[in-house]
Amino acid sequence: NHKVVPPRRVEMKGDMESLIHHFKLYTEGYCVPEGEAYAAVEAPKGE
């Protein structure tokens, strides 16, 4: 999903759309749906 994951560099070199996706992803990012989320991991020091 190139709206979230950048295209591969080999694609960017030959495809203008991939280059645009890459540029917009790293400058503007992506819009996330309204809502809230909590995520926790067992880090080495605790939660």
PDB file of all heavy atoms in Angstrom:
ATOM      1  N   ASN A   1       0.862  -1.182   0.000  1.00  0.00           N
ATOM      2  CA  ASN A   1       0.000   0.000   0.000  1.00  0.00           C
ATOM      3  C   ASN A   1       0.901   1.235   0.000  1.00  0.00           C
ATOM      4  O   ASN A   1       1.449   1.622   1.021  1.00  0.00           O
ATOM      5  CB  ASN A   1      -0.896  -0.012   1.247  1.00  0.00           C
ATOM      6  CG  ASN A   1      -1.812   1.201   1.307  1.00  0.00           C
ATOM      7  OD1 ASN A   1      -1.706   2.127   0.495  1.00  0.00           O
ATOM      8  ND2 ASN A   1      -2.723   1.217   2.274  1.00  0.00           N
ATOM      9  N   HIS A   2       1.066   1.858  -1.146  1.00  0.00           N
ATOM     10  CA  HIS A   2       1.999   2.976  -1.282  1.00  0.00           C
ATOM     11  C   HIS A   2       1.500   4.256  -0.623  1.00  0.00           C
ATOM     12  O   HIS A   2       2.222   5.258  -0.611  1.00  0.00           O
ATOM     13  CB  HIS A   2       2.328   3.235  -2.755  1.00  0.00           C
ATOM     14  CG  HIS A   2       3.191   2.169  -3.352  1.00  0.00           C
ATOM     15  ND1 HIS A   2       3.967   1.324  -2.582  1.00  0.00           N
ATOM     16  CD2 HIS A   2       3.414   1.804  -4.642  1.00  0.00           C
ATOM     17  CE1 HIS A   2       4.616   0.492  -3.367  1.00  0.00           C
ATOM     18  NE2 HIS A   2       4.299   0.755  -4.623  1.00  0.00           N
ATOM     19  N   LYS A   3       0.282   4.231  -0.078  1.00  0.00           N
ATOM     20  CA  LYS A   3      -0.177   5.381   0.709  1.00  0.00           C
ATOM     21  C   LYS A   3       0.459   5.356   2.104  1.00  0.00           C
ATOM     22  O   LYS A   3       0.494   6.368   2.798  1.00  0.00           O
ATOM     23  CB  LYS A   3      -1.706   5.367   0.854  1.00  0.00           C
ATOM     24  CG  LYS A   3      -2.464   5.487  -0.458  1.00  0.00           C
ATOM     25  CD  LYS A   3      -2.223   6.831  -1.131  1.00  0.00           C
ATOM     26  CE  LYS A   3      -3.075   6.962  -2.407  1.00  0.00           C
ATOM     27  NZ  LYS A   3      -2.745   8.194  -3.150  1.00  0.00           N
ATOM     28  N   VAL A   4       0.928   4.167   2.505  1.00  0.00           N
ATOM     29  CA  VAL A   4       1.511   3.997   3.844  1.00  0.00           C
ATOM     30  C   VAL A   4       2.974   3.590   3.764  1.00  0.00           C
ATOM     31  O   VAL A   4       3.815   4.057   4.532  1.00  0.00           O
ATOM     32  CB  VAL A   4       0.709   2.929   4.640  1.00  0.00           C
ATOM     33  CG1 VAL A   4       1.320   2.712   6.022  1.00  0.00           C
ATOM     34  CG2 VAL A   4      -0.741   3.337   4.763  1.00  0.00           C
ATOM     35  N   VAL A   5       3.291   2.713   2.823  1.00  0.00           N
ATOM     36  CA  VAL A   5       4.657   2.186   2.669  1.00  0.00           C
ATOM     37  C   VAL A   5       5.275   2.777   1.407  1.00  0.00           C
ATOM     38  O   VAL A   5       4.650   2.742   0.342  1.00  0.00           O
ATOM     39  CB  VAL A   5       4.630   0.644   2.581  1.00  0.00           C
ATOM     40  CG1 VAL A   5       6.026   0.090   2.345  1.00  0.00           C
ATOM     41  CG2 VAL A   5       4.040   0.057   3.860  1.00  0.00           C
ATOM     42  N   PRO A   6       6.468   3.333   1.478  1.00  0.00           N
ATOM     43  CA  PRO A   6       7.067   3.938   0.280  1.00  0.00           C
ATOM     44  C   PRO A   6       7.380   2.898  -0.792  1.00  0.00           C
ATOM     45  O   PRO A   6       7.696   1.745  -0.474  1.00  0.00           O
ATOM     46  CB  PRO A   6       8.361   4.573   0.810  1.00  0.00           C
ATOM     47  CG  PRO A   6       8.681   3.815   2.046  1.00  0.00           C
ATOM     48  CD  PRO A   6       7.362   3.420   2.652  1.00  0.00           C
ATOM     49  N   PRO A   7       7.312   3.269  -2.062  1.00  0.00           N
ATOM     50  CA  PRO A   7       7.686   2.338  -3.138  1.00  0.00           C
ATOM     51  C   PRO A   7       9.183   2.063  -3.094  1.00  0.00           C
ATOM     52  O   PRO A   7       9.963   2.836  -2.531  1.00  0.00           O
ATOM     53  CB  PRO A   7       7.304   3.098  -4.412  1.00  0.00           C
ATOM     54  CG  PRO A   7       7.269   4.531  -4.016  1.00  0.00           C
ATOM     55  CD  PRO A   7       6.890   4.579  -2.579  1.00  0.00           C
ATOM     56  N   ARG A   8       9.585   0.956  -3.706  1.00  0.00           N
ATOM     57  CA  ARG A   8      11.005   0.616  -3.746  1.00  0.00           C
ATOM     58  C   ARG A   8      11.766   1.612  -4.617  1.00  0.00           C
ATOM     59  O   ARG A   8      11.211   2.181  -5.558  1.00  0.00           O
ATOM     60  CB  ARG A   8      11.178  -0.804  -4.285  1.00  0.00           C
ATOM     61  CG  ARG A   8      10.604  -1.886  -3.374  1.00  0.00           C
ATOM     62  CD  ARG A   8      10.890  -3.270  -3.912  1.00  0.00           C
ATOM     63  NE  ARG A   8      10.379  -3.422  -5.274  1.00  0.00           N
ATOM     64  CZ  ARG A   8      10.916  -4.228  -6.178  1.00  0.00           C
ATOM     65  NH1 ARG A   8      11.984  -4.939  -5.886  1.00  0.00           N
ATOM     66  NH2 ARG A   8      10.390  -4.318  -7.384  1.00  0.00           N
ATOM     67  N   ARG A   9      13.031   1.791  -4.305  1.00  0.00           N
ATOM     68  CA  ARG A   9      13.833   2.774  -5.050  1.00  0.00           C
ATOM     69  C   ARG A   9      13.937   2.422  -6.531  1.00  0.00           C
ATOM     70  O   ARG A   9      13.964   3.307  -7.384  1.00  0.00           O
ATOM     71  CB  ARG A   9      15.233   2.875  -4.437  1.00  0.00           C
ATOM     72  CG  ARG A   9      15.225   3.608  -3.109  1.00  0.00           C
ATOM     73  CD  ARG A   9      16.582   4.120  -2.719  1.00  0.00           C
ATOM     74  NE  ARG A   9      16.489   4.964  -1.542  1.00  0.00           N
ATOM     75  CZ  ARG A   9      16.210   6.248  -1.563  1.00  0.00           C
ATOM     76  NH1 ARG A   9      15.982   6.849  -2.709  1.00  0.00           N
ATOM     77  NH2 ARG A   9      16.146   6.952  -0.449  1.00  0.00           N
ATOM     78  N   VAL A  10      13.985   1.130  -6.833  1.00  0.00           N
ATOM     79  CA  VAL A  10      14.098   0.733  -8.235  1.00  0.00           C
ATOM     80  C   VAL A  10      12.844   1.156  -9.016  1.00  0.00           C
ATOM     81  O   VAL A  10      12.912   1.491 -10.199  1.00  0.00           O
ATOM     82  CB  VAL A  10      14.350  -0.792  -8.340  1.00  0.00           C
ATOM     83  CG1 VAL A  10      13.142  -1.598  -7.875  1.00  0.00           C
ATOM     84  CG2 VAL A  10      14.749  -1.183  -9.746  1.00  0.00           C
ATOM     85  N   GLU A  11      11.682   1.167  -8.342  1.00  0.00           N
ATOM     86  CA  GLU A  11      10.446   1.614  -8.995  1.00  0.00           C
ATOM     87  C   GLU A  11      10.456   3.132  -9.185  1.00  0.00           C
ATOM     88  O   GLU A  11      10.015   3.650 -10.213  1.00  0.00           O
ATOM     89  CB  GLU A  11       9.237   1.215  -8.146  1.00  0.00           C
ATOM     90  CG  GLU A  11       9.031  -0.290  -8.017  1.00  0.00           C
ATOM     91  CD  GLU A  11       7.947  -0.631  -7.013  1.00  0.00           C
ATOM     92  OE1 GLU A  11       7.285   0.310  -6.509  1.00  0.00           O
ATOM     93  OE2 GLU A  11       7.760  -1.828  -6.718  1.00  0.00           O
ATOM     94  N   MET A  12      10.979   3.848  -8.181  1.00  0.00           N
ATOM     95  CA  MET A  12      10.986   5.312  -8.254  1.00  0.00           C
ATOM     96  C   MET A  12      11.794   5.827  -9.435  1.00  0.00           C
ATOM     97  O   MET A  12      11.480   6.865 -10.015  1.00  0.00           O
ATOM     98  CB  MET A  12      11.594   5.895  -6.975  1.00  0.00           C
ATOM     99  CG  MET A  12      10.689   5.787  -5.758  1.00  0.00           C
ATOM    100  SD  MET A  12      11.615   6.055  -4.253  1.00  0.00           S
ATOM    101  CE  MET A  12      12.584   7.481  -4.682  1.00  0.00           C
ATOM    102  N   LYS A  13      12.848   5.105  -9.803  1.00  0.00           N
ATOM    103  CA  LYS A  13      13.738   5.585 -10.857  1.00  0.00           C
ATOM    104  C   LYS A  13      13.105   5.512 -12.246  1.00  0.00           C
ATOM    105  O   LYS A  13      13.554   6.189 -13.177  1.00  0.00           O
ATOM    106  CB  LYS A  13      15.042   4.803 -10.825  1.00  0.00           C
ATOM    107  CG  LYS A  13      15.882   5.152  -9.601  1.00  0.00           C
ATOM    108  CD  LYS A  13      17.123   4.309  -9.478  1.00  0.00           C
ATOM    109  CE  LYS A  13      17.925   4.698  -8.245  1.00  0.00           C
ATOM    110  NZ  LYS A  13      19.092   3.845  -8.029  1.00  0.00           N
ATOM    111  N   GLY A  14      12.051   4.689 -12.406  1.00  0.00           N
ATOM    112  CA  GLY A  14      11.456   4.565 -13.728  1.00  0.00           C
ATOM    113  C   GLY A  14       9.989   4.896 -13.784  1.00  0.00           C
ATOM    114  O   GLY A  14       9.367   4.802 -14.841  1.00  0.00           O
ATOM    115  N   ASP A  15       9.403   5.298 -12.629  1.00  0.00           N
ATOM    116  CA  ASP A  15       7.953   5.518 -12.593  1.00  0.00           C
ATOM    117  C   ASP A  15       7.661   6.816 -11.843  1.00  0.00           C
ATOM    118  O   ASP A  15       7.925   6.930 -10.640  1.00  0.00           O
ATOM    119  CB  ASP A  15       7.283   4.329 -11.898  1.00  0.00           C
ATOM    120  CG  ASP A  15       5.777   4.486 -11.800  1.00  0.00           C
ATOM    121  OD1 ASP A  15       5.217   5.213 -12.631  1.00  0.00           O
ATOM    122  OD2 ASP A  15       5.189   3.889 -10.882  1.00  0.00           O
ATOM    123  N   MET A  16       7.105   7.791 -12.539  1.00  0.00           N
ATOM    124  CA  MET A  16       6.834   9.099 -11.936  1.00  0.00           C
ATOM    125  C   MET A  16       5.833   9.001 -10.784  1.00  0.00           C
ATOM    126  O   MET A  16       5.954   9.677  -9.765  1.00  0.00           O
ATOM    127  CB  MET A  16       6.306  10.062 -13.012  1.00  0.00           C
ATOM    128  CG  MET A  16       5.960  11.447 -12.472  1.00  0.00           C
ATOM    129  SD  MET A  16       7.338  12.247 -11.637  1.00  0.00           S
ATOM    130  CE  MET A  16       8.331  12.716 -13.038  1.00  0.00           C
ATOM    131  N   GLU A  17       4.829   8.130 -10.935  1.00  0.00           N
ATOM    132  CA  GLU A  17       3.826   8.000  -9.877  1.00  0.00           C
ATOM    133  C   GLU A  17       4.457   7.495  -8.577  1.00  0.00           C
ATOM    134  O   GLU A  17       4.119   7.962  -7.487  1.00  0.00           O
ATOM    135  CB  GLU A  17       2.714   7.044 -10.324  1.00  0.00           C
ATOM    136  CG  GLU A  17       1.520   7.049  -9.380  1.00  0.00           C
ATOM    137  CD  GLU A  17       0.352   6.223  -9.884  1.00  0.00           C
ATOM    138  OE1 GLU A  17       0.305   5.934 -11.090  1.00  0.00           O
ATOM    139  OE2 GLU A  17      -0.498   5.871  -9.057  1.00  0.00           O
ATOM    140  N   SER A  18       5.392   6.545  -8.682  1.00  0.00           N
ATOM    141  CA  SER A  18       6.080   6.041  -7.493  1.00  0.00           C
ATOM    142  C   SER A  18       6.903   7.151  -6.842  1.00  0.00           C
ATOM    143  O   SER A  18       6.953   7.265  -5.609  1.00  0.00           O
ATOM    144  CB  SER A  18       7.009   4.876  -7.869  1.00  0.00           C
ATOM    145  OG  SER A  18       6.258   3.787  -8.345  1.00  0.00           O
ATOM    146  N   LEU A  19       7.535   7.975  -7.652  1.00  0.00           N
ATOM    147  CA  LEU A  19       8.330   9.080  -7.131  1.00  0.00           C
ATOM    148  C   LEU A  19       7.448  10.072  -6.376  1.00  0.00           C
ATOM    149  O   LEU A  19       7.805  10.561  -5.299  1.00  0.00           O
ATOM    150  CB  LEU A  19       9.053   9.786  -8.278  1.00  0.00           C
ATOM    151  CG  LEU A  19      10.023  10.913  -7.895  1.00  0.00           C
ATOM    152  CD1 LEU A  19      11.171  10.382  -7.060  1.00  0.00           C
ATOM    153  CD2 LEU A  19      10.558  11.600  -9.147  1.00  0.00           C
ATOM    154  N   ILE A  20       6.264  10.334  -6.919  1.00  0.00           N
ATOM    155  CA  ILE A  20       5.324  11.259  -6.266  1.00  0.00           C
ATOM    156  C   ILE A  20       4.856  10.666  -4.941  1.00  0.00           C
ATOM    157  O   ILE A  20       4.791  11.365  -3.921  1.00  0.00           O
ATOM    158  CB  ILE A  20       4.125  11.571  -7.192  1.00  0.00           C
ATOM    159  CG1 ILE A  20       4.608  12.384  -8.403  1.00  0.00           C
ATOM    160  CG2 ILE A  20       3.031  12.322  -6.437  1.00  0.00           C
ATOM    161  CD1 ILE A  20       3.574  12.516  -9.512  1.00  0.00           C
ATOM    162  N   HIS A  21       4.513   9.365  -4.948  1.00  0.00           N
ATOM    163  CA  HIS A  21       4.095   8.695  -3.707  1.00  0.00           C
ATOM    164  C   HIS A  21       5.185   8.831  -2.645  1.00  0.00           C
ATOM    165  O   HIS A  21       4.910   9.144  -1.480  1.00  0.00           O
ATOM    166  CB  HIS A  21       3.824   7.207  -3.969  1.00  0.00           C
ATOM    167  CG  HIS A  21       2.407   6.927  -4.391  1.00  0.00           C
ATOM    168  ND1 HIS A  21       1.320   7.261  -3.614  1.00  0.00           N
ATOM    169  CD2 HIS A  21       1.901   6.329  -5.497  1.00  0.00           C
ATOM    170  CE1 HIS A  21       0.210   6.891  -4.227  1.00  0.00           C
ATOM    171  NE2 HIS A  21       0.530   6.322  -5.377  1.00  0.00           N
ATOM    172  N   HIS A  22       6.413   8.592  -3.037  1.00  0.00           N
ATOM    173  CA  HIS A  22       7.541   8.652  -2.096  1.00  0.00           C
ATOM    174  C   HIS A  22       7.682  10.070  -1.531  1.00  0.00           C
ATOM    175  O   HIS A  22       7.831  10.263  -0.311  1.00  0.00           O
ATOM    176  CB  HIS A  22       8.825   8.226  -2.819  1.00  0.00           C
ATOM    177  CG  HIS A  22      10.021   8.117  -1.916  1.00  0.00           C
ATOM    178  ND1 HIS A  22      10.784   9.210  -1.573  1.00  0.00           N
ATOM    179  CD2 HIS A  22      10.574   7.051  -1.288  1.00  0.00           C
ATOM    180  CE1 HIS A  22      11.762   8.825  -0.770  1.00  0.00           C
ATOM    181  NE2 HIS A  22      11.653   7.524  -0.585  1.00  0.00           N
ATOM    182  N   PHE A  23       7.619  11.065  -2.403  1.00  0.00           N
ATOM    183  CA  PHE A  23       7.782  12.449  -1.973  1.00  0.00           C
ATOM    184  C   PHE A  23       6.673  12.869  -1.003  1.00  0.00           C
ATOM    185  O   PHE A  23       6.934  13.449   0.062  1.00  0.00           O
ATOM    186  CB  PHE A  23       7.789  13.362  -3.205  1.00  0.00           C
ATOM    187  CG  PHE A  23       7.903  14.820  -2.867  1.00  0.00           C
ATOM    188  CD1 PHE A  23       9.118  15.376  -2.508  1.00  0.00           C
ATOM    189  CD2 PHE A  23       6.775  15.641  -2.909  1.00  0.00           C
ATOM    190  CE1 PHE A  23       9.219  16.727  -2.188  1.00  0.00           C
ATOM    191  CE2 PHE A  23       6.868  16.987  -2.589  1.00  0.00           C
ATOM    192  CZ  PHE A  23       8.095  17.522  -2.236  1.00  0.00           C
ATOM    193  N   LYS A  24       5.425  12.568  -1.368  1.00  0.00           N
ATOM    194  CA  LYS A  24       4.303  12.967  -0.527  1.00  0.00           C
ATOM    195  C   LYS A  24       4.305  12.209   0.800  1.00  0.00           C
ATOM    196  O   LYS A  24       3.930  12.764   1.837  1.00  0.00           O
ATOM    197  CB  LYS A  24       2.981  12.752  -1.270  1.00  0.00           C
ATOM    198  CG  LYS A  24       2.756  13.740  -2.401  1.00  0.00           C
ATOM    199  CD  LYS A  24       1.429  13.536  -3.079  1.00  0.00           C
ATOM    200  CE  LYS A  24       0.249  13.947  -2.222  1.00  0.00           C
ATOM    201  NZ  LYS A  24       0.202  15.400  -1.981  1.00  0.00           N
ATOM    202  N   LEU A  25       4.737  10.945   0.777  1.00  0.00           N
ATOM    203  CA  LEU A  25       4.752  10.147   2.000  1.00  0.00           C
ATOM    204  C   LEU A  25       5.724  10.730   3.029  1.00  0.00           C
ATOM    205  O   LEU A  25       5.413  10.803   4.221  1.00  0.00           O
ATOM    206  CB  LEU A  25       5.131   8.699   1.681  1.00  0.00           C
ATOM    207  CG  LEU A  25       5.059   7.709   2.841  1.00  0.00           C
ATOM    208  CD1 LEU A  25       3.631   7.566   3.334  1.00  0.00           C
ATOM    209  CD2 LEU A  25       5.574   6.349   2.421  1.00  0.00           C
ATOM    210  N   TYR A  26       6.889  11.158   2.570  1.00  0.00           N
ATOM    211  CA  TYR A  26       7.898  11.636   3.506  1.00  0.00           C
ATOM    212  C   TYR A  26       7.786  13.125   3.827  1.00  0.00           C
ATOM    213  O   TYR A  26       8.456  13.609   4.738  1.00  0.00           O
ATOM    214  CB  TYR A  26       9.307  11.317   2.986  1.00  0.00           C
ATOM    215  CG  TYR A  26       9.660   9.869   3.236  1.00  0.00           C
ATOM    216  CD1 TYR A  26       9.687   8.956   2.181  1.00  0.00           C
ATOM    217  CD2 TYR A  26       9.919   9.411   4.512  1.00  0.00           C
ATOM    218  CE1 TYR A  26       9.981   7.625   2.403  1.00  0.00           C
ATOM    219  CE2 TYR A  26      10.219   8.087   4.754  1.00  0.00           C
ATOM    220  CZ  TYR A  26      10.252   7.194   3.698  1.00  0.00           C
ATOM    221  OH  TYR A  26      10.537   5.874   3.931  1.00  0.00           O
ATOM    222  N   THR A  27       6.947  13.841   3.121  1.00  0.00           N
ATOM    223  CA  THR A  27       6.738  15.252   3.452  1.00  0.00           C
ATOM    224  C   THR A  27       5.411  15.464   4.175  1.00  0.00           C
ATOM    225  O   THR A  27       5.372  16.087   5.235  1.00  0.00           O
ATOM    226  CB  THR A  27       6.783  16.129   2.185  1.00  0.00           C
ATOM    227  OG1 THR A  27       5.858  15.599   1.216  1.00  0.00           O
ATOM    228  CG2 THR A  27       8.174  16.162   1.602  1.00  0.00           C
ATOM    229  N   GLU A  28       4.329  14.926   3.623  1.00  0.00           N
ATOM    230  CA  GLU A  28       3.009  15.110   4.214  1.00  0.00           C
ATOM    231  C   GLU A  28       2.588  13.957   5.110  1.00  0.00           C
ATOM    232  O   GLU A  28       1.736  14.115   5.978  1.00  0.00           O
ATOM    233  CB  GLU A  28       1.955  15.270   3.113  1.00  0.00           C
ATOM    234  CG  GLU A  28       2.138  16.501   2.254  1.00  0.00           C
ATOM    235  CD  GLU A  28       1.086  16.585   1.168  1.00  0.00           C
ATOM    236  OE1 GLU A  28       0.140  15.775   1.194  1.00  0.00           O
ATOM    237  OE2 GLU A  28       1.213  17.448   0.289  1.00  0.00           O
ATOM    238  N   GLY A  29       3.163  12.766   4.887  1.00  0.00           N
ATOM    239  CA  GLY A  29       2.714  11.590   5.632  1.00  0.00           C
ATOM    240  C   GLY A  29       1.400  11.078   5.084  1.00  0.00           C
ATOM    241  O   GLY A  29       1.124  11.176   3.890  1.00  0.00           O
ATOM    242  N   TYR A  30       0.548  10.562   5.970  1.00  0.00           N
ATOM    243  CA  TYR A  30      -0.749  10.011   5.564  1.00  0.00           C
ATOM    244  C   TYR A  30      -1.774  10.375   6.619  1.00  0.00           C
ATOM    245  O   TYR A  30      -1.467  10.551   7.802  1.00  0.00           O
ATOM    246  CB  TYR A  30      -0.679   8.484   5.414  1.00  0.00           C
ATOM    247  CG  TYR A  30       0.242   7.823   6.408  1.00  0.00           C
ATOM    248  CD1 TYR A  30      -0.143   7.623   7.734  1.00  0.00           C
ATOM    249  CD2 TYR A  30       1.521   7.432   6.031  1.00  0.00           C
ATOM    250  CE1 TYR A  30       0.711   7.044   8.651  1.00  0.00           C
ATOM    251  CE2 TYR A  30       2.388   6.858   6.946  1.00  0.00           C
ATOM    252  CZ  TYR A  30       1.973   6.662   8.256  1.00  0.00           C
ATOM    253  OH  TYR A  30       2.832   6.107   9.168  1.00  0.00           O
ATOM    254  N   CYS A  31      -3.009  10.530   6.177  1.00  0.00           N
ATOM    255  CA  CYS A  31      -4.096  10.842   7.105  1.00  0.00           C
ATOM    256  C   CYS A  31      -4.598   9.545   7.741  1.00  0.00           C
ATOM    257  O   CYS A  31      -4.823   8.548   7.054  1.00  0.00           O
ATOM    258  CB  CYS A  31      -5.237  11.561   6.390  1.00  0.00           C
ATOM    259  SG  CYS A  31      -4.780  13.231   5.885  1.00  0.00           S
ATOM    260  N   VAL A  32      -4.768   9.586   9.046  1.00  0.00           N
ATOM    261  CA  VAL A  32      -5.198   8.417   9.815  1.00  0.00           C
ATOM    262  C   VAL A  32      -6.655   8.617  10.215  1.00  0.00           C
ATOM    263  O   VAL A  32      -7.038   9.721  10.640  1.00  0.00           O
ATOM    264  CB  VAL A  32      -4.293   8.252  11.059  1.00  0.00           C
ATOM    265  CG1 VAL A  32      -4.833   7.196  11.996  1.00  0.00           C
ATOM    266  CG2 VAL A  32      -2.876   7.909  10.622  1.00  0.00           C
ATOM    267  N   PRO A  33      -7.503   7.608  10.072  1.00  0.00           N
ATOM    268  CA  PRO A  33      -8.922   7.766  10.438  1.00  0.00           C
ATOM    269  C   PRO A  33      -9.106   8.229  11.890  1.00  0.00           C
ATOM    270  O   PRO A  33      -8.279   7.941  12.753  1.00  0.00           O
ATOM    271  CB  PRO A  33      -9.496   6.354  10.235  1.00  0.00           C
ATOM    272  CG  PRO A  33      -8.562   5.684   9.288  1.00  0.00           C
ATOM    273  CD  PRO A  33      -7.214   6.256   9.549  1.00  0.00           C
ATOM    274  N   GLU A  34     -10.191   8.933  12.137  1.00  0.00           N
ATOM    275  CA  GLU A  34     -10.484   9.373  13.502  1.00  0.00           C
ATOM    276  C   GLU A  34     -10.604   8.167  14.426  1.00  0.00           C
ATOM    277  O   GLU A  34     -11.110   7.116  14.042  1.00  0.00           O
ATOM    278  CB  GLU A  34     -11.794  10.161  13.533  1.00  0.00           C
ATOM    279  CG  GLU A  34     -11.687  11.559  12.970  1.00  0.00           C
ATOM    280  CD  GLU A  34     -12.961  12.349  13.193  1.00  0.00           C
ATOM    281  OE1 GLU A  34     -13.569  12.194  14.278  1.00  0.00           O
ATOM    282  OE2 GLU A  34     -13.353  13.100  12.290  1.00  0.00           O
ATOM    283  N   GLY A  35     -10.150   8.351  15.648  1.00  0.00           N
ATOM    284  CA  GLY A  35     -10.249   7.273  16.631  1.00  0.00           C
ATOM    285  C   GLY A  35      -9.117   7.353  17.627  1.00  0.00           C
ATOM    286  O   GLY A  35      -8.347   8.322  17.665  1.00  0.00           O
ATOM    287  N   GLU A  36      -9.017   6.333  18.451  1.00  0.00           N
ATOM    288  CA  GLU A  36      -7.953   6.257  19.449  1.00  0.00           C
ATOM    289  C   GLU A  36      -7.467   4.821  19.544  1.00  0.00           C
ATOM    290  O   GLU A  36      -8.217   3.875  19.269  1.00  0.00           O
ATOM    291  CB  GLU A  36      -8.445   6.753  20.821  1.00  0.00           C
ATOM    292  CG  GLU A  36      -9.663   6.007  21.338  1.00  0.00           C
ATOM    293  CD  GLU A  36     -10.204   6.593  22.631  1.00  0.00           C
ATOM    294  OE1 GLU A  36      -9.499   7.410  23.252  1.00  0.00           O
ATOM    295  OE2 GLU A  36     -11.327   6.219  23.026  1.00  0.00           O
ATOM    296  N   ALA A  37      -6.203   4.661  19.892  1.00  0.00           N
ATOM    297  CA  ALA A  37      -5.627   3.314  19.998  1.00  0.00           C
ATOM    298  C   ALA A  37      -4.525   3.323  21.035  1.00  0.00           C
ATOM    299  O   ALA A  37      -3.791   4.313  21.188  1.00  0.00           O
ATOM    300  CB  ALA A  37      -5.074   2.861  18.644  1.00  0.00           C
ATOM    301  N   TYR A  38      -4.434   2.214  21.757  1.00  0.00           N
ATOM    302  CA  TYR A  38      -3.330   2.006  22.704  1.00  0.00           C
ATOM    303  C   TYR A  38      -2.644   0.704  22.335  1.00  0.00           C
ATOM    304  O   TYR A  38      -3.298  -0.317  22.118  1.00  0.00           O
ATOM    305  CB  TYR A  38      -3.847   1.924  24.146  1.00  0.00           C
ATOM    306  CG  TYR A  38      -2.745   1.633  25.160  1.00  0.00           C
ATOM    307  CD1 TYR A  38      -1.861   2.633  25.546  1.00  0.00           C
ATOM    308  CD2 TYR A  38      -2.588   0.363  25.712  1.00  0.00           C
ATOM    309  CE1 TYR A  38      -0.850   2.380  26.461  1.00  0.00           C
ATOM    310  CE2 TYR A  38      -1.580   0.099  26.621  1.00  0.00           C
ATOM    311  CZ  TYR A  38      -0.711   1.111  26.998  1.00  0.00           C
ATOM    312  OH  TYR A  38       0.299   0.859  27.899  1.00  0.00           O
ATOM    313  N   ALA A  39      -1.331   0.760  22.217  1.00  0.00           N
ATOM    314  CA  ALA A  39      -0.549  -0.444  21.931  1.00  0.00           C
ATOM    315  C   ALA A  39       0.591  -0.510  22.928  1.00  0.00           C
ATOM    316  O   ALA A  39       1.242   0.503  23.208  1.00  0.00           O
ATOM    317  CB  ALA A  39      -0.009  -0.412  20.506  1.00  0.00           C
ATOM    318  N   ALA A  40       0.819  -1.694  23.470  1.00  0.00           N
ATOM    319  CA  ALA A  40       1.875  -1.873  24.468  1.00  0.00           C
ATOM    320  C   ALA A  40       2.725  -3.073  24.095  1.00  0.00           C
ATOM    321  O   ALA A  40       2.235  -4.059  23.543  1.00  0.00           O
ATOM    322  CB  ALA A  40       1.265  -2.075  25.858  1.00  0.00           C
ATOM    323  N   VAL A  41       4.002  -2.972  24.400  1.00  0.00           N
ATOM    324  CA  VAL A  41       4.931  -4.081  24.187  1.00  0.00           C
ATOM    325  C   VAL A  41       5.643  -4.385  25.490  1.00  0.00           C
ATOM    326  O   VAL A  41       5.743  -3.528  26.376  1.00  0.00           O
ATOM    327  CB  VAL A  41       5.978  -3.760  23.084  1.00  0.00           C
ATOM    328  CG1 VAL A  41       5.303  -3.480  21.759  1.00  0.00           C
ATOM    329  CG2 VAL A  41       6.868  -2.595  23.493  1.00  0.00           C
ATOM    330  N   GLU A  42       6.131  -5.615  25.601  1.00  0.00           N
ATOM    331  CA  GLU A  42       6.952  -5.999  26.751  1.00  0.00           C
ATOM    332  C   GLU A  42       8.383  -5.573  26.444  1.00  0.00           C
ATOM    333  O   GLU A  42       9.191  -6.342  25.938  1.00  0.00           O
ATOM    334  CB  GLU A  42       6.863  -7.515  26.993  1.00  0.00           C
ATOM    335  CG  GLU A  42       7.557  -7.980  28.258  1.00  0.00           C
ATOM    336  CD  GLU A  42       6.893  -7.473  29.526  1.00  0.00           C
ATOM    337  OE1 GLU A  42       5.648  -7.361  29.580  1.00  0.00           O
ATOM    338  OE2 GLU A  42       7.640  -7.197  30.485  1.00  0.00           O
ATOM    339  N   ALA A  43       8.662  -4.300  26.720  1.00  0.00           N
ATOM    340  CA  ALA A  43      10.011  -3.772  26.522  1.00  0.00           C
ATOM    341  C   ALA A  43      10.939  -4.353  27.587  1.00  0.00           C
ATOM    342  O   ALA A  43      10.471  -4.912  28.586  1.00  0.00           O
ATOM    343  CB  ALA A  43       9.987  -2.249  26.593  1.00  0.00           C
ATOM    344  N   PRO A  44      12.253  -4.250  27.405  1.00  0.00           N
ATOM    345  CA  PRO A  44      13.180  -4.843  28.388  1.00  0.00           C
ATOM    346  C   PRO A  44      12.998  -4.338  29.813  1.00  0.00           C
ATOM    347  O   PRO A  44      13.253  -5.065  30.766  1.00  0.00           O
ATOM    348  CB  PRO A  44      14.557  -4.443  27.842  1.00  0.00           C
ATOM    349  CG  PRO A  44      14.345  -4.283  26.373  1.00  0.00           C
ATOM    350  CD  PRO A  44      12.963  -3.736  26.221  1.00  0.00           C
ATOM    351  N   LYS A  45      12.521  -3.094  29.974  1.00  0.00           N
ATOM    352  CA  LYS A  45      12.361  -2.526  31.313  1.00  0.00           C
ATOM    353  C   LYS A  45      10.958  -2.713  31.870  1.00  0.00           C
ATOM    354  O   LYS A  45      10.715  -2.456  33.052  1.00  0.00           O
ATOM    355  CB  LYS A  45      12.716  -1.034  31.285  1.00  0.00           C
ATOM    356  CG  LYS A  45      14.193  -0.782  31.007  1.00  0.00           C
ATOM    357  CD  LYS A  45      14.481   0.696  30.823  1.00  0.00           C
ATOM    358  CE  LYS A  45      15.964   0.945  30.668  1.00  0.00           C
ATOM    359  NZ  LYS A  45      16.558   0.266  29.507  1.00  0.00           N
ATOM    360  N   GLY A  46      10.014  -3.131  31.024  1.00  0.00           N
ATOM    361  CA  GLY A  46       8.633  -3.294  31.457  1.00  0.00           C
ATOM    362  C   GLY A  46       7.682  -2.920  30.333  1.00  0.00           C
ATOM    363  O   GLY A  46       8.059  -2.901  29.156  1.00  0.00           O
ATOM    364  N   GLU A  47       6.445  -2.605  30.687  1.00  0.00           N
ATOM    365  CA  GLU A  47       5.434  -2.290  29.666  1.00  0.00           C
ATOM    366  C   GLU A  47       5.652  -0.887  29.121  1.00  0.00           C
ATOM    367  O   GLU A  47       5.503   0.108  29.836  1.00  0.00           O
ATOM    368  CB  GLU A  47       4.025  -2.396  30.250  1.00  0.00           C
ATOM    369  CG  GLU A  47       2.943  -2.060  29.235  1.00  0.00           C
ATOM    370  CD  GLU A  47       1.530  -2.152  29.791  1.00  0.00           C
ATOM    371  OE1 GLU A  47       1.313  -2.949  30.734  1.00  0.00           O
ATOM    372  OE2 GLU A  47       0.647  -1.436  29.283  1.00  0.00           O
TER     373      GLU A  47
END
